[in-house]
Amino acid sequence: MQTLIFSTMNTMRTLSFFGSFLLLAFLFSCKKNQLGGKSTVSGKVAHHSKAIANARVFIKFNAKEFPGDDTTAYDDKVRADGDGNYSFKCYKGDYYLYGYGYDFGISKTVIGGVPVHIRNKEKLEVNVAVSED
């Protein structure tokens, strides 16, 4: 009888240990395709090498192809500065960047996008080329 109780207690401890291990592994696992990591993707929004000031840049997680022009489907956005520069802090993974702005030189809205693959702790510079509709 004592052997059965001892064996059952050892089994419960083992299961408890593995359950705790799995929970910790889940909590500390890679946060792929989220913002706030140690990697950075930054660059310039430009139309024919002319910076587009105050352009909007949208980012879509886990995307290798253009997810469409519905900006509500994107996961986050930033406004480029007066020189067209933007930046996102993120974790490693695949993202799609979509940008749009207004080119006062031609008096037209310009749009464009680019897929990016970011590695762990990488500082990636990617320009978002935009063109007329």
N, C-alpha and C. Protein backbone atom coordinates (compact mmCIF):
# COMPACT_ATOMS: atom_id res chain seq x y z
N MET A 1 0.83 -1.20 0.00
CA MET A 1 0.00 0.00 0.00
C MET A 1 0.87 1.26 0.00
N GLN A 2 1.94 1.25 0.86
CA GLN A 2 2.82 2.41 0.90
C GLN A 2 3.52 2.64 -0.44
N THR A 3 3.87 1.56 -1.10
CA THR A 3 4.53 1.67 -2.40
C THR A 3 3.60 2.31 -3.42
N LEU A 4 2.33 1.96 -3.40
CA LEU A 4 1.35 2.54 -4.31
C LEU A 4 1.18 4.03 -4.06
N ILE A 5 1.11 4.44 -2.79
CA ILE A 5 0.97 5.86 -2.45
C ILE A 5 2.23 6.62 -2.87
N PHE A 6 3.41 6.04 -2.58
CA PHE A 6 4.67 6.68 -2.95
C PHE A 6 4.77 6.82 -4.47
N SER A 7 4.38 5.79 -5.21
CA SER A 7 4.42 5.81 -6.67
C SER A 7 3.46 6.86 -7.23
N THR A 8 2.26 6.95 -6.65
CA THR A 8 1.28 7.94 -7.09
C THR A 8 1.78 9.36 -6.82
N MET A 9 2.42 9.57 -5.68
CA MET A 9 2.94 10.90 -5.35
C MET A 9 4.07 11.28 -6.31
N ASN A 10 4.94 10.33 -6.65
CA ASN A 10 6.02 10.60 -7.60
C ASN A 10 5.45 10.95 -8.98
N THR A 11 4.42 10.23 -9.38
CA THR A 11 3.78 10.51 -10.67
C THR A 11 3.17 11.90 -10.66
N MET A 12 2.51 12.28 -9.56
CA MET A 12 1.90 13.62 -9.47
C MET A 12 2.97 14.70 -9.49
N ARG A 13 4.09 14.48 -8.83
CA ARG A 13 5.19 15.46 -8.85
C ARG A 13 5.76 15.61 -10.26
N THR A 14 5.92 14.48 -10.92
CA THR A 14 6.47 14.51 -12.28
C THR A 14 5.52 15.26 -13.21
N LEU A 15 4.23 14.97 -13.12
CA LEU A 15 3.26 15.69 -13.95
C LEU A 15 3.23 17.16 -13.62
N SER A 16 3.32 17.50 -12.34
CA SER A 16 3.34 18.90 -11.92
C SER A 16 4.57 19.61 -12.48
N PHE A 17 5.72 18.94 -12.43
CA PHE A 17 6.96 19.52 -12.95
C PHE A 17 6.83 19.79 -14.45
N PHE A 18 6.37 18.78 -15.21
CA PHE A 18 6.24 18.96 -16.66
C PHE A 18 5.17 20.00 -17.01
N GLY A 19 4.10 20.05 -16.24
CA GLY A 19 3.08 21.08 -16.47
C GLY A 19 3.64 22.47 -16.25
N SER A 20 4.42 22.65 -15.18
CA SER A 20 5.05 23.94 -14.90
C SER A 20 6.05 24.30 -15.99
N PHE A 21 6.81 23.30 -16.42
CA PHE A 21 7.79 23.53 -17.49
C PHE A 21 7.11 23.99 -18.77
N LEU A 22 6.02 23.33 -19.15
CA LEU A 22 5.29 23.72 -20.36
C LEU A 22 4.71 25.11 -20.25
N LEU A 23 4.19 25.45 -19.09
CA LEU A 23 3.63 26.79 -18.88
C LEU A 23 4.72 27.85 -19.02
N LEU A 24 5.88 27.62 -18.40
CA LEU A 24 6.98 28.58 -18.52
C LEU A 24 7.49 28.68 -19.96
N ALA A 25 7.59 27.55 -20.62
CA ALA A 25 8.02 27.57 -22.02
C ALA A 25 7.07 28.38 -22.88
N PHE A 26 5.79 28.25 -22.64
CA PHE A 26 4.79 29.00 -23.38
C PHE A 26 4.91 30.50 -23.10
N LEU A 27 5.08 30.85 -21.83
CA LEU A 27 5.14 32.27 -21.45
C LEU A 27 6.39 32.96 -21.98
N PHE A 28 7.50 32.23 -22.07
CA PHE A 28 8.75 32.83 -22.50
C PHE A 28 9.13 32.49 -23.93
N SER A 29 8.20 31.95 -24.66
CA SER A 29 8.49 31.57 -26.05
C SER A 29 8.64 32.81 -26.91
N CYS A 30 9.14 32.60 -28.10
CA CYS A 30 9.36 33.67 -29.06
C CYS A 30 8.06 34.41 -29.35
N LYS A 31 8.13 35.72 -29.40
CA LYS A 31 6.95 36.53 -29.69
C LYS A 31 6.99 36.97 -31.14
N LYS A 32 6.96 36.01 -32.01
CA LYS A 32 7.03 36.27 -33.44
C LYS A 32 5.85 37.12 -33.90
N ASN A 33 6.16 38.08 -34.75
CA ASN A 33 5.14 38.92 -35.36
C ASN A 33 4.36 39.76 -34.36
N GLN A 34 5.09 40.45 -33.53
CA GLN A 34 4.52 41.43 -32.61
C GLN A 34 5.45 42.62 -32.58
N LEU A 35 4.93 43.72 -32.10
CA LEU A 35 5.76 44.91 -31.95
C LEU A 35 6.43 44.92 -30.59
N GLY A 36 7.53 45.66 -30.49
CA GLY A 36 8.19 45.84 -29.21
C GLY A 36 9.40 44.98 -28.98
N GLY A 37 9.86 44.23 -29.95
CA GLY A 37 11.00 43.35 -29.79
C GLY A 37 12.33 44.09 -29.87
N LYS A 38 13.39 43.32 -30.06
CA LYS A 38 14.73 43.88 -30.13
C LYS A 38 15.20 44.13 -31.56
N SER A 39 14.31 43.88 -32.52
CA SER A 39 14.63 44.16 -33.92
C SER A 39 13.95 45.46 -34.33
N THR A 40 14.51 46.09 -35.35
CA THR A 40 13.96 47.35 -35.84
C THR A 40 13.90 47.31 -37.36
N VAL A 41 12.77 47.73 -37.89
CA VAL A 41 12.67 47.97 -39.32
C VAL A 41 12.37 49.46 -39.47
N SER A 42 13.19 50.12 -40.27
CA SER A 42 13.01 51.56 -40.46
C SER A 42 13.43 51.90 -41.89
N GLY A 43 13.09 53.09 -42.31
CA GLY A 43 13.45 53.52 -43.65
C GLY A 43 12.74 54.80 -44.01
N LYS A 44 12.59 55.00 -45.29
CA LYS A 44 12.01 56.23 -45.82
C LYS A 44 10.89 55.88 -46.78
N VAL A 45 9.82 56.67 -46.75
CA VAL A 45 8.75 56.57 -47.74
C VAL A 45 9.12 57.56 -48.83
N ALA A 46 9.25 57.05 -50.07
CA ALA A 46 9.72 57.92 -51.15
C ALA A 46 9.02 57.62 -52.46
N HIS A 47 8.82 58.69 -53.23
CA HIS A 47 8.26 58.61 -54.58
C HIS A 47 9.33 59.11 -55.53
N HIS A 48 9.87 58.20 -56.36
CA HIS A 48 10.98 58.53 -57.27
C HIS A 48 12.11 59.23 -56.51
N SER A 49 12.51 58.67 -55.40
CA SER A 49 13.59 59.14 -54.50
C SER A 49 13.26 60.46 -53.78
N LYS A 50 12.05 60.98 -53.96
CA LYS A 50 11.64 62.18 -53.23
C LYS A 50 10.88 61.74 -51.98
N ALA A 51 11.37 62.18 -50.83
CA ALA A 51 10.75 61.81 -49.55
C ALA A 51 9.31 62.32 -49.49
N ILE A 52 8.43 61.48 -48.95
CA ILE A 52 7.02 61.86 -48.77
C ILE A 52 6.82 62.16 -47.28
N ALA A 53 6.80 63.44 -46.98
CA ALA A 53 6.66 63.89 -45.59
C ALA A 53 5.31 63.49 -45.02
N ASN A 54 5.31 63.10 -43.76
CA ASN A 54 4.09 62.78 -43.01
C ASN A 54 3.27 61.64 -43.62
N ALA A 55 3.90 60.76 -44.38
CA ALA A 55 3.20 59.60 -44.94
C ALA A 55 2.79 58.67 -43.79
N ARG A 56 1.79 57.86 -44.04
CA ARG A 56 1.36 56.83 -43.08
C ARG A 56 1.99 55.50 -43.52
N VAL A 57 2.53 54.77 -42.55
CA VAL A 57 3.08 53.44 -42.83
C VAL A 57 2.37 52.45 -41.92
N PHE A 58 1.81 51.41 -42.52
CA PHE A 58 1.07 50.38 -41.80
C PHE A 58 1.87 49.09 -41.83
N ILE A 59 1.75 48.28 -40.77
CA ILE A 59 2.46 47.02 -40.70
C ILE A 59 1.47 45.89 -40.43
N LYS A 60 1.64 44.80 -41.17
CA LYS A 60 0.79 43.61 -41.01
C LYS A 60 1.70 42.46 -40.58
N PHE A 61 1.33 41.81 -39.46
CA PHE A 61 2.11 40.68 -38.94
C PHE A 61 1.84 39.43 -39.77
N ASN A 62 2.86 38.58 -39.85
CA ASN A 62 2.75 37.26 -40.48
C ASN A 62 2.22 37.36 -41.90
N ALA A 63 2.76 38.28 -42.66
CA ALA A 63 2.31 38.49 -44.04
C ALA A 63 3.51 38.58 -44.96
N LYS A 64 3.47 37.80 -46.03
CA LYS A 64 4.53 37.84 -47.04
C LYS A 64 4.05 38.49 -48.33
N GLU A 65 2.73 38.65 -48.45
CA GLU A 65 2.14 39.25 -49.65
C GLU A 65 1.24 40.40 -49.25
N PHE A 66 0.93 41.24 -50.21
CA PHE A 66 0.09 42.42 -50.00
C PHE A 66 -1.27 42.00 -49.44
N PRO A 67 -1.60 42.42 -48.20
CA PRO A 67 -2.88 42.04 -47.61
C PRO A 67 -4.06 42.89 -48.06
N GLY A 68 -3.82 43.87 -48.90
CA GLY A 68 -4.89 44.73 -49.39
C GLY A 68 -4.75 46.15 -48.88
N ASP A 69 -5.56 47.05 -49.42
CA ASP A 69 -5.45 48.45 -49.06
C ASP A 69 -6.39 48.88 -47.95
N ASP A 70 -7.11 47.94 -47.34
CA ASP A 70 -7.95 48.25 -46.18
C ASP A 70 -7.05 48.38 -44.96
N THR A 71 -6.77 49.61 -44.57
CA THR A 71 -5.81 49.85 -43.49
C THR A 71 -6.29 49.37 -42.12
N THR A 72 -7.58 49.09 -41.98
CA THR A 72 -8.06 48.55 -40.70
C THR A 72 -7.64 47.10 -40.52
N ALA A 73 -7.20 46.44 -41.58
CA ALA A 73 -6.75 45.05 -41.49
C ALA A 73 -5.29 44.95 -41.04
N TYR A 74 -4.62 46.08 -40.92
CA TYR A 74 -3.21 46.08 -40.49
C TYR A 74 -3.15 46.12 -38.97
N ASP A 75 -2.00 45.70 -38.44
CA ASP A 75 -1.86 45.55 -36.99
C ASP A 75 -1.39 46.82 -36.28
N ASP A 76 -0.70 47.70 -36.97
CA ASP A 76 -0.25 48.95 -36.35
C ASP A 76 0.12 49.93 -37.45
N LYS A 77 0.34 51.18 -37.04
CA LYS A 77 0.71 52.22 -38.01
C LYS A 77 1.56 53.28 -37.32
N VAL A 78 2.33 53.99 -38.14
CA VAL A 78 3.09 55.14 -37.68
C VAL A 78 2.98 56.22 -38.75
N ARG A 79 3.25 57.44 -38.34
CA ARG A 79 3.31 58.54 -39.30
C ARG A 79 4.79 58.87 -39.50
N ALA A 80 5.20 58.92 -40.76
CA ALA A 80 6.57 59.28 -41.08
C ALA A 80 6.82 60.73 -40.68
N ASP A 81 8.05 61.05 -40.42
CA ASP A 81 8.38 62.44 -40.05
C ASP A 81 8.42 63.32 -41.30
N GLY A 82 8.86 64.55 -41.13
CA GLY A 82 8.90 65.51 -42.23
C GLY A 82 9.85 65.13 -43.34
N ASP A 83 10.79 64.21 -43.06
CA ASP A 83 11.72 63.74 -44.08
C ASP A 83 11.32 62.38 -44.64
N GLY A 84 10.13 61.90 -44.28
CA GLY A 84 9.64 60.62 -44.78
C GLY A 84 10.14 59.41 -44.03
N ASN A 85 10.83 59.60 -42.91
CA ASN A 85 11.39 58.48 -42.14
C ASN A 85 10.35 57.85 -41.22
N TYR A 86 10.37 56.52 -41.14
CA TYR A 86 9.48 55.77 -40.25
C TYR A 86 10.30 54.73 -39.50
N SER A 87 9.73 54.13 -38.46
CA SER A 87 10.43 53.08 -37.72
C SER A 87 9.43 52.27 -36.90
N PHE A 88 9.65 50.94 -36.86
CA PHE A 88 8.89 50.02 -36.01
C PHE A 88 9.88 49.16 -35.24
N LYS A 89 9.63 48.96 -33.95
CA LYS A 89 10.36 47.97 -33.14
C LYS A 89 9.52 46.71 -33.18
N CYS A 90 10.13 45.57 -33.50
CA CYS A 90 9.35 44.33 -33.59
C CYS A 90 10.22 43.11 -33.34
N TYR A 91 9.57 41.98 -33.25
CA TYR A 91 10.24 40.70 -33.09
C TYR A 91 10.55 40.11 -34.45
N LYS A 92 11.32 39.05 -34.48
CA LYS A 92 11.61 38.40 -35.76
C LYS A 92 10.32 37.87 -36.38
N GLY A 93 10.31 37.83 -37.70
CA GLY A 93 9.13 37.31 -38.39
C GLY A 93 8.94 37.96 -39.74
N ASP A 94 7.82 37.64 -40.36
CA ASP A 94 7.46 38.19 -41.67
C ASP A 94 6.41 39.26 -41.49
N TYR A 95 6.61 40.37 -42.19
CA TYR A 95 5.71 41.51 -42.09
C TYR A 95 5.47 42.07 -43.48
N TYR A 96 4.39 42.82 -43.61
CA TYR A 96 4.17 43.58 -44.84
C TYR A 96 3.99 45.04 -44.45
N LEU A 97 4.75 45.91 -45.10
CA LEU A 97 4.66 47.36 -44.88
C LEU A 97 3.89 47.99 -46.03
N TYR A 98 2.92 48.82 -45.69
CA TYR A 98 2.11 49.51 -46.69
C TYR A 98 2.13 50.99 -46.35
N GLY A 99 2.48 51.80 -47.32
CA GLY A 99 2.55 53.24 -47.07
C GLY A 99 1.74 54.04 -48.06
N TYR A 100 1.26 55.17 -47.58
CA TYR A 100 0.62 56.12 -48.49
C TYR A 100 0.84 57.53 -47.98
N GLY A 101 0.81 58.46 -48.91
CA GLY A 101 1.00 59.86 -48.58
C GLY A 101 0.59 60.72 -49.76
N TYR A 102 0.95 61.99 -49.69
CA TYR A 102 0.58 62.93 -50.74
C TYR A 102 1.84 63.58 -51.27
N ASP A 103 2.02 63.50 -52.58
CA ASP A 103 3.16 64.14 -53.24
C ASP A 103 2.69 65.48 -53.77
N PHE A 104 3.09 66.54 -53.10
CA PHE A 104 2.67 67.89 -53.48
C PHE A 104 3.27 68.32 -54.81
N GLY A 105 4.37 67.71 -55.22
CA GLY A 105 5.00 68.05 -56.49
C GLY A 105 4.14 67.68 -57.68
N ILE A 106 3.34 66.62 -57.55
CA ILE A 106 2.46 66.20 -58.65
C ILE A 106 0.99 66.30 -58.25
N SER A 107 0.73 66.74 -57.02
CA SER A 107 -0.63 66.90 -56.49
C SER A 107 -1.44 65.61 -56.58
N LYS A 108 -0.82 64.50 -56.14
CA LYS A 108 -1.49 63.20 -56.17
C LYS A 108 -1.15 62.39 -54.93
N THR A 109 -2.09 61.50 -54.59
CA THR A 109 -1.83 60.52 -53.54
C THR A 109 -0.92 59.43 -54.10
N VAL A 110 0.04 58.99 -53.30
CA VAL A 110 0.96 57.94 -53.71
C VAL A 110 0.87 56.80 -52.70
N ILE A 111 0.93 55.56 -53.21
CA ILE A 111 0.80 54.38 -52.36
C ILE A 111 1.82 53.33 -52.78
N GLY A 112 2.12 52.41 -51.86
CA GLY A 112 3.01 51.31 -52.19
C GLY A 112 3.27 50.45 -50.97
N GLY A 113 3.92 49.33 -51.19
CA GLY A 113 4.20 48.43 -50.09
C GLY A 113 5.35 47.49 -50.40
N VAL A 114 5.79 46.80 -49.34
CA VAL A 114 6.92 45.90 -49.48
C VAL A 114 6.87 44.85 -48.37
N PRO A 115 7.13 43.56 -48.72
CA PRO A 115 7.24 42.55 -47.66
C PRO A 115 8.63 42.60 -47.04
N VAL A 116 8.73 42.27 -45.76
CA VAL A 116 10.03 42.22 -45.08
C VAL A 116 10.10 40.99 -44.19
N HIS A 117 11.31 40.45 -44.10
CA HIS A 117 11.59 39.35 -43.18
C HIS A 117 12.63 39.87 -42.19
N ILE A 118 12.29 39.82 -40.91
CA ILE A 118 13.17 40.37 -39.88
C ILE A 118 13.70 39.24 -39.02
N ARG A 119 15.01 39.27 -38.78
CA ARG A 119 15.65 38.28 -37.91
C ARG A 119 15.77 38.84 -36.50
N ASN A 120 16.12 37.99 -35.59
CA ASN A 120 16.26 38.37 -34.19
C ASN A 120 17.35 39.43 -34.01
N LYS A 121 17.04 40.49 -33.33
CA LYS A 121 17.96 41.59 -33.01
C LYS A 121 18.56 42.24 -34.25
N GLU A 122 17.80 42.27 -35.34
CA GLU A 122 18.28 42.86 -36.59
C GLU A 122 17.78 44.29 -36.72
N LYS A 123 18.64 45.16 -37.24
CA LYS A 123 18.24 46.52 -37.59
C LYS A 123 18.20 46.58 -39.11
N LEU A 124 16.99 46.51 -39.64
CA LEU A 124 16.78 46.43 -41.07
C LEU A 124 16.29 47.76 -41.61
N GLU A 125 16.92 48.22 -42.69
CA GLU A 125 16.49 49.46 -43.33
C GLU A 125 15.79 49.10 -44.64
N VAL A 126 14.50 49.47 -44.72
CA VAL A 126 13.69 49.17 -45.89
C VAL A 126 12.93 50.43 -46.30
N ASN A 127 13.20 50.91 -47.49
CA ASN A 127 12.45 52.05 -47.99
C ASN A 127 11.15 51.56 -48.61
N VAL A 128 10.09 52.31 -48.38
CA VAL A 128 8.78 52.00 -48.95
C VAL A 128 8.60 52.88 -50.18
N ALA A 129 8.72 52.28 -51.34
CA ALA A 129 8.56 53.01 -52.59
C ALA A 129 7.06 53.16 -52.86
N VAL A 130 6.64 54.37 -53.14
CA VAL A 130 5.24 54.64 -53.43
C VAL A 130 5.11 55.26 -54.82
N SER A 131 3.94 55.06 -55.43
CA SER A 131 3.70 55.62 -56.76
C SER A 131 2.24 56.05 -56.85
N GLU A 132 1.90 56.71 -57.95
CA GLU A 132 0.53 57.21 -58.15
C GLU A 132 -0.44 56.04 -58.25
N ASP A 133 -1.68 56.32 -57.89
CA ASP A 133 -2.75 55.30 -58.00
C ASP A 133 -2.89 54.82 -59.42
